[in-house]
Every structure is written in C-alpha cells, then in structure tokens.
Amino acid sequence: MITVNLYYKGAHGSARAFAKEMEESGIADSIRKEPGNLRYQYFQPLNDQETILLIDSWTDQAAIDAHHASPMMAKLAALREKYDLHMTAERFVSENIGTDEQFIRK
C-alpha cells in the first residue's frame, strides 16, 4: 500500500472551502470509487486553520498512475487553482514486517 499525505495550504479559509467543494461536488466520492483507492479523507490540524490534510492511500503505484491519468485530475486541478492552494506531500510505503496490534486499544 502507498499512502500520500497531501497538505493543502491557503488563506482566509480557502483550503477548507476546497475540501468542502471536493466532498459536495462528488469529486472525492468518484476518486474513492477508482480501482485501487483504499482511502481518500480530509482532515484539519487543530493548530492550523489554513491547512487541510488529505490522506490518500492506494494499492500500488499502478493505481496511482491510473488516478493521475483520469479525467478526475483535471477537475481536481481546477479546484486547486480556484482556491489558490499550495501543497506539500509526504509519501509512505507500507510493509508487512510485523504488527503493532498489541498497542492498539479497541
């Protein structure tokens, strides 16, 4: 699994407005239905009202490449421009080398 944390930074609430429009327009749901998508969720840091975090997980690089080539990317890019957002990213690749299950309280 590949997870990308995308931080959308704007001004005057633009990042939050972007995430709201992504959800209300159905773009986010369409991305969630793409083959290989495992997670597509927005969050807001408690200490930064001008940033939105997107946690975006995919089965593999081929699924990400297909997503980047999809018509959904043009819609997403247009919204980024509309809200004048700037981004930073972190990428993580999961490995099945053990479990932290003993530390998780359910």
N, C-alpha and C. Protein backbone atom coordinates (compact mmCIF):
# COMPACT_ATOMS: atom_id res chain seq x y z
N MET A 1 0.84 -1.17 0.00
CA MET A 1 0.00 0.00 0.00
C MET A 1 0.88 1.24 0.00
N ILE A 2 0.47 2.24 -0.76
CA ILE A 2 1.16 3.53 -0.80
C ILE A 2 0.19 4.59 -0.26
N THR A 3 0.66 5.36 0.70
CA THR A 3 -0.14 6.44 1.27
C THR A 3 0.58 7.75 1.04
N VAL A 4 -0.17 8.73 0.55
CA VAL A 4 0.37 10.06 0.34
C VAL A 4 -0.42 11.03 1.22
N ASN A 5 0.29 11.75 2.05
CA ASN A 5 -0.31 12.82 2.85
C ASN A 5 -0.08 14.11 2.09
N LEU A 6 -1.17 14.73 1.65
CA LEU A 6 -1.10 16.00 0.93
C LEU A 6 -1.61 17.11 1.84
N TYR A 7 -0.79 18.12 2.03
CA TYR A 7 -1.15 19.27 2.84
C TYR A 7 -1.51 20.41 1.91
N TYR A 8 -2.77 20.82 1.93
CA TYR A 8 -3.25 21.94 1.13
C TYR A 8 -3.24 23.18 2.02
N LYS A 9 -2.50 24.20 1.60
CA LYS A 9 -2.38 25.43 2.37
C LYS A 9 -2.96 26.58 1.57
N GLY A 10 -3.82 27.35 2.22
CA GLY A 10 -4.43 28.50 1.56
C GLY A 10 -4.50 29.67 2.52
N ALA A 11 -5.38 30.60 2.20
CA ALA A 11 -5.60 31.77 3.05
C ALA A 11 -7.09 32.03 3.17
N HIS A 12 -7.48 32.59 4.29
CA HIS A 12 -8.87 33.01 4.51
C HIS A 12 -9.87 31.87 4.34
N GLY A 13 -9.49 30.67 4.80
CA GLY A 13 -10.40 29.53 4.75
C GLY A 13 -10.49 28.82 3.41
N SER A 14 -9.61 29.16 2.47
CA SER A 14 -9.71 28.57 1.13
C SER A 14 -9.45 27.07 1.10
N ALA A 15 -8.56 26.57 1.94
CA ALA A 15 -8.29 25.13 1.94
C ALA A 15 -9.51 24.36 2.43
N ARG A 16 -10.15 24.87 3.45
CA ARG A 16 -11.36 24.23 3.96
C ARG A 16 -12.48 24.31 2.92
N ALA A 17 -12.61 25.43 2.24
CA ALA A 17 -13.63 25.57 1.19
C ALA A 17 -13.37 24.60 0.04
N PHE A 18 -12.09 24.40 -0.29
CA PHE A 18 -11.72 23.44 -1.32
C PHE A 18 -12.18 22.04 -0.93
N ALA A 19 -11.84 21.61 0.29
CA ALA A 19 -12.22 20.26 0.73
C ALA A 19 -13.74 20.11 0.75
N LYS A 20 -14.44 21.14 1.19
CA LYS A 20 -15.90 21.10 1.22
C LYS A 20 -16.45 20.94 -0.20
N GLU A 21 -15.91 21.67 -1.15
CA GLU A 21 -16.39 21.55 -2.53
C GLU A 21 -16.03 20.18 -3.13
N MET A 22 -14.87 19.66 -2.79
CA MET A 22 -14.49 18.32 -3.25
C MET A 22 -15.52 17.29 -2.79
N GLU A 23 -15.97 17.41 -1.54
CA GLU A 23 -16.95 16.47 -1.00
C GLU A 23 -18.34 16.71 -1.59
N GLU A 24 -18.78 17.96 -1.59
CA GLU A 24 -20.14 18.26 -2.03
C GLU A 24 -20.35 18.08 -3.53
N SER A 25 -19.29 18.25 -4.31
CA SER A 25 -19.40 18.11 -5.77
C SER A 25 -19.40 16.65 -6.22
N GLY A 26 -18.99 15.75 -5.33
CA GLY A 26 -18.91 14.33 -5.70
C GLY A 26 -17.56 13.92 -6.25
N ILE A 27 -16.64 14.86 -6.40
CA ILE A 27 -15.32 14.51 -6.92
C ILE A 27 -14.62 13.54 -5.97
N ALA A 28 -14.66 13.83 -4.68
CA ALA A 28 -14.00 12.96 -3.70
C ALA A 28 -14.59 11.55 -3.75
N ASP A 29 -15.92 11.44 -3.82
CA ASP A 29 -16.54 10.11 -3.90
C ASP A 29 -16.16 9.39 -5.18
N SER A 30 -16.04 10.12 -6.28
CA SER A 30 -15.62 9.49 -7.53
C SER A 30 -14.21 8.94 -7.42
N ILE A 31 -13.33 9.67 -6.76
CA ILE A 31 -11.95 9.20 -6.57
C ILE A 31 -11.95 7.97 -5.67
N ARG A 32 -12.78 7.97 -4.64
CA ARG A 32 -12.85 6.81 -3.74
C ARG A 32 -13.29 5.54 -4.47
N LYS A 33 -14.02 5.70 -5.56
CA LYS A 33 -14.52 4.54 -6.33
C LYS A 33 -13.53 4.07 -7.39
N GLU A 34 -12.44 4.80 -7.58
CA GLU A 34 -11.45 4.39 -8.58
C GLU A 34 -10.78 3.09 -8.15
N PRO A 35 -10.48 2.22 -9.12
CA PRO A 35 -9.80 0.96 -8.79
C PRO A 35 -8.49 1.22 -8.05
N GLY A 36 -8.30 0.53 -6.94
CA GLY A 36 -7.07 0.63 -6.17
C GLY A 36 -7.08 1.67 -5.08
N ASN A 37 -8.13 2.51 -5.01
CA ASN A 37 -8.16 3.50 -3.94
C ASN A 37 -8.60 2.83 -2.65
N LEU A 38 -7.84 3.04 -1.59
CA LEU A 38 -8.14 2.46 -0.28
C LEU A 38 -8.64 3.49 0.72
N ARG A 39 -8.21 4.74 0.52
CA ARG A 39 -8.61 5.80 1.46
C ARG A 39 -8.44 7.15 0.78
N TYR A 40 -9.41 8.02 1.00
CA TYR A 40 -9.36 9.39 0.50
C TYR A 40 -10.15 10.22 1.49
N GLN A 41 -9.45 10.80 2.48
CA GLN A 41 -10.11 11.51 3.57
C GLN A 41 -9.40 12.80 3.89
N TYR A 42 -10.21 13.83 4.15
CA TYR A 42 -9.69 15.14 4.52
C TYR A 42 -9.75 15.33 6.03
N PHE A 43 -8.73 16.02 6.56
CA PHE A 43 -8.64 16.36 7.98
C PHE A 43 -8.11 17.78 8.11
N GLN A 44 -8.36 18.38 9.27
CA GLN A 44 -7.81 19.71 9.53
C GLN A 44 -7.02 19.68 10.82
N PRO A 45 -5.74 20.11 10.77
CA PRO A 45 -4.95 20.19 12.00
C PRO A 45 -5.60 21.16 12.99
N LEU A 46 -5.61 20.80 14.24
CA LEU A 46 -6.23 21.65 15.27
C LEU A 46 -5.49 22.97 15.46
N ASN A 47 -4.21 22.98 15.15
CA ASN A 47 -3.41 24.19 15.39
C ASN A 47 -3.16 25.01 14.12
N ASP A 48 -3.87 24.68 13.01
CA ASP A 48 -3.64 25.40 11.76
C ASP A 48 -4.93 25.43 10.95
N GLN A 49 -5.67 26.50 11.07
CA GLN A 49 -6.97 26.62 10.39
C GLN A 49 -6.85 26.86 8.89
N GLU A 50 -5.64 27.11 8.39
CA GLU A 50 -5.46 27.38 6.97
C GLU A 50 -4.89 26.20 6.19
N THR A 51 -4.80 25.04 6.84
CA THR A 51 -4.29 23.84 6.18
C THR A 51 -5.31 22.73 6.27
N ILE A 52 -5.42 21.98 5.19
CA ILE A 52 -6.22 20.75 5.15
C ILE A 52 -5.28 19.62 4.77
N LEU A 53 -5.39 18.51 5.47
CA LEU A 53 -4.60 17.31 5.19
C LEU A 53 -5.49 16.31 4.46
N LEU A 54 -5.01 15.81 3.34
CA LEU A 54 -5.66 14.71 2.63
C LEU A 54 -4.81 13.47 2.83
N ILE A 55 -5.41 12.41 3.37
CA ILE A 55 -4.74 11.12 3.43
C ILE A 55 -5.30 10.29 2.29
N ASP A 56 -4.42 9.92 1.37
CA ASP A 56 -4.77 9.31 0.09
C ASP A 56 -3.99 8.00 -0.03
N SER A 57 -4.66 6.84 0.06
CA SER A 57 -3.99 5.54 0.02
C SER A 57 -4.43 4.73 -1.17
N TRP A 58 -3.47 4.03 -1.77
CA TRP A 58 -3.69 3.24 -2.97
C TRP A 58 -3.02 1.88 -2.83
N THR A 59 -3.52 0.91 -3.57
CA THR A 59 -2.96 -0.44 -3.50
C THR A 59 -1.53 -0.49 -4.01
N ASP A 60 -1.23 0.27 -5.06
CA ASP A 60 0.11 0.25 -5.65
C ASP A 60 0.32 1.45 -6.57
N GLN A 61 1.53 1.55 -7.12
CA GLN A 61 1.86 2.68 -7.98
C GLN A 61 1.02 2.70 -9.25
N ALA A 62 0.68 1.53 -9.78
CA ALA A 62 -0.14 1.47 -11.00
C ALA A 62 -1.51 2.13 -10.76
N ALA A 63 -2.09 1.94 -9.59
CA ALA A 63 -3.38 2.56 -9.27
C ALA A 63 -3.23 4.08 -9.17
N ILE A 64 -2.13 4.55 -8.60
CA ILE A 64 -1.88 5.99 -8.51
C ILE A 64 -1.69 6.57 -9.92
N ASP A 65 -0.93 5.87 -10.75
CA ASP A 65 -0.70 6.34 -12.12
C ASP A 65 -2.02 6.44 -12.89
N ALA A 66 -2.90 5.45 -12.72
CA ALA A 66 -4.20 5.48 -13.39
C ALA A 66 -5.03 6.65 -12.88
N HIS A 67 -4.98 6.90 -11.58
CA HIS A 67 -5.69 8.04 -10.99
C HIS A 67 -5.18 9.35 -11.59
N HIS A 68 -3.85 9.49 -11.68
CA HIS A 68 -3.27 10.72 -12.22
C HIS A 68 -3.62 10.92 -13.69
N ALA A 69 -3.91 9.85 -14.41
CA ALA A 69 -4.28 9.94 -15.83
C ALA A 69 -5.79 10.06 -16.04
N SER A 70 -6.56 10.01 -14.96
CA SER A 70 -8.02 10.02 -15.07
C SER A 70 -8.56 11.43 -15.29
N PRO A 71 -9.78 11.54 -15.83
CA PRO A 71 -10.42 12.85 -16.01
C PRO A 71 -10.65 13.58 -14.69
N MET A 72 -10.68 12.85 -13.59
CA MET A 72 -10.89 13.45 -12.28
C MET A 72 -9.77 14.41 -11.92
N MET A 73 -8.56 14.15 -12.42
CA MET A 73 -7.42 15.01 -12.07
C MET A 73 -7.59 16.43 -12.62
N ALA A 74 -8.19 16.57 -13.78
CA ALA A 74 -8.41 17.90 -14.35
C ALA A 74 -9.39 18.69 -13.47
N LYS A 75 -10.42 18.03 -12.98
CA LYS A 75 -11.38 18.70 -12.10
C LYS A 75 -10.71 19.10 -10.78
N LEU A 76 -9.92 18.19 -10.25
CA LEU A 76 -9.22 18.46 -9.00
C LEU A 76 -8.23 19.62 -9.18
N ALA A 77 -7.49 19.61 -10.27
CA ALA A 77 -6.52 20.68 -10.52
C ALA A 77 -7.22 22.03 -10.68
N ALA A 78 -8.37 22.04 -11.32
CA ALA A 78 -9.12 23.29 -11.48
C ALA A 78 -9.55 23.85 -10.14
N LEU A 79 -9.96 22.97 -9.23
CA LEU A 79 -10.35 23.44 -7.90
C LEU A 79 -9.15 23.95 -7.11
N ARG A 80 -8.01 23.31 -7.26
CA ARG A 80 -6.80 23.81 -6.59
C ARG A 80 -6.49 25.23 -7.05
N GLU A 81 -6.62 25.46 -8.34
CA GLU A 81 -6.38 26.80 -8.88
C GLU A 81 -7.44 27.79 -8.39
N LYS A 82 -8.69 27.38 -8.41
CA LYS A 82 -9.79 28.24 -7.96
C LYS A 82 -9.53 28.77 -6.56
N TYR A 83 -9.03 27.89 -5.67
CA TYR A 83 -8.81 28.28 -4.28
C TYR A 83 -7.38 28.72 -4.00
N ASP A 84 -6.55 28.79 -5.04
CA ASP A 84 -5.16 29.24 -4.93
C ASP A 84 -4.41 28.51 -3.82
N LEU A 85 -4.43 27.18 -3.89
CA LEU A 85 -3.81 26.36 -2.86
C LEU A 85 -2.38 25.99 -3.23
N HIS A 86 -1.56 25.88 -2.21
CA HIS A 86 -0.19 25.40 -2.36
C HIS A 86 -0.08 24.10 -1.57
N MET A 87 0.77 23.20 -2.04
CA MET A 87 0.78 21.86 -1.47
C MET A 87 2.18 21.41 -1.08
N THR A 88 2.22 20.56 -0.06
CA THR A 88 3.40 19.77 0.25
C THR A 88 2.92 18.34 0.40
N ALA A 89 3.83 17.39 0.24
CA ALA A 89 3.43 15.98 0.27
C ALA A 89 4.44 15.14 1.02
N GLU A 90 3.92 14.08 1.62
CA GLU A 90 4.73 13.03 2.24
C GLU A 90 4.23 11.71 1.66
N ARG A 91 5.14 10.81 1.37
CA ARG A 91 4.77 9.52 0.77
C ARG A 91 5.28 8.39 1.65
N PHE A 92 4.41 7.41 1.90
CA PHE A 92 4.75 6.27 2.75
C PHE A 92 4.40 4.98 2.03
N VAL A 93 5.28 4.00 2.10
CA VAL A 93 5.02 2.67 1.54
C VAL A 93 4.94 1.71 2.71
N SER A 94 3.81 1.00 2.81
CA SER A 94 3.60 0.07 3.91
C SER A 94 4.33 -1.24 3.66
N GLU A 95 4.84 -1.79 4.73
CA GLU A 95 5.48 -3.09 4.68
C GLU A 95 4.82 -3.98 5.72
N ASN A 96 4.67 -5.23 5.40
CA ASN A 96 4.10 -6.20 6.35
C ASN A 96 5.23 -6.92 7.06
N ILE A 97 5.88 -6.23 7.99
CA ILE A 97 7.02 -6.80 8.69
C ILE A 97 6.76 -6.98 10.18
N GLY A 98 5.54 -6.93 10.57
CA GLY A 98 5.21 -7.06 11.98
C GLY A 98 3.87 -6.42 12.25
N THR A 99 3.53 -6.40 13.52
CA THR A 99 2.24 -5.80 13.86
C THR A 99 2.37 -4.96 15.12
N ASP A 100 1.60 -3.92 15.15
CA ASP A 100 1.51 -3.08 16.34
C ASP A 100 0.21 -3.35 17.07
N GLU A 101 -0.45 -4.42 16.72
CA GLU A 101 -1.77 -4.74 17.24
C GLU A 101 -1.80 -4.73 18.77
N GLN A 102 -0.74 -5.16 19.40
CA GLN A 102 -0.73 -5.20 20.86
C GLN A 102 -0.79 -3.81 21.49
N PHE A 103 -0.50 -2.77 20.72
CA PHE A 103 -0.51 -1.41 21.24
C PHE A 103 -1.79 -0.66 20.93
N ILE A 104 -2.70 -1.29 20.19
CA ILE A 104 -3.93 -0.65 19.76
C ILE A 104 -5.05 -1.00 20.74
N ARG A 105 -5.66 0.00 21.34
CA ARG A 105 -6.78 -0.22 22.24
C ARG A 105 -8.07 -0.14 21.43
N LYS A 106 -8.83 -1.19 21.43
CA LYS A 106 -10.08 -1.25 20.65
C LYS A 106 -11.28 -1.13 21.54
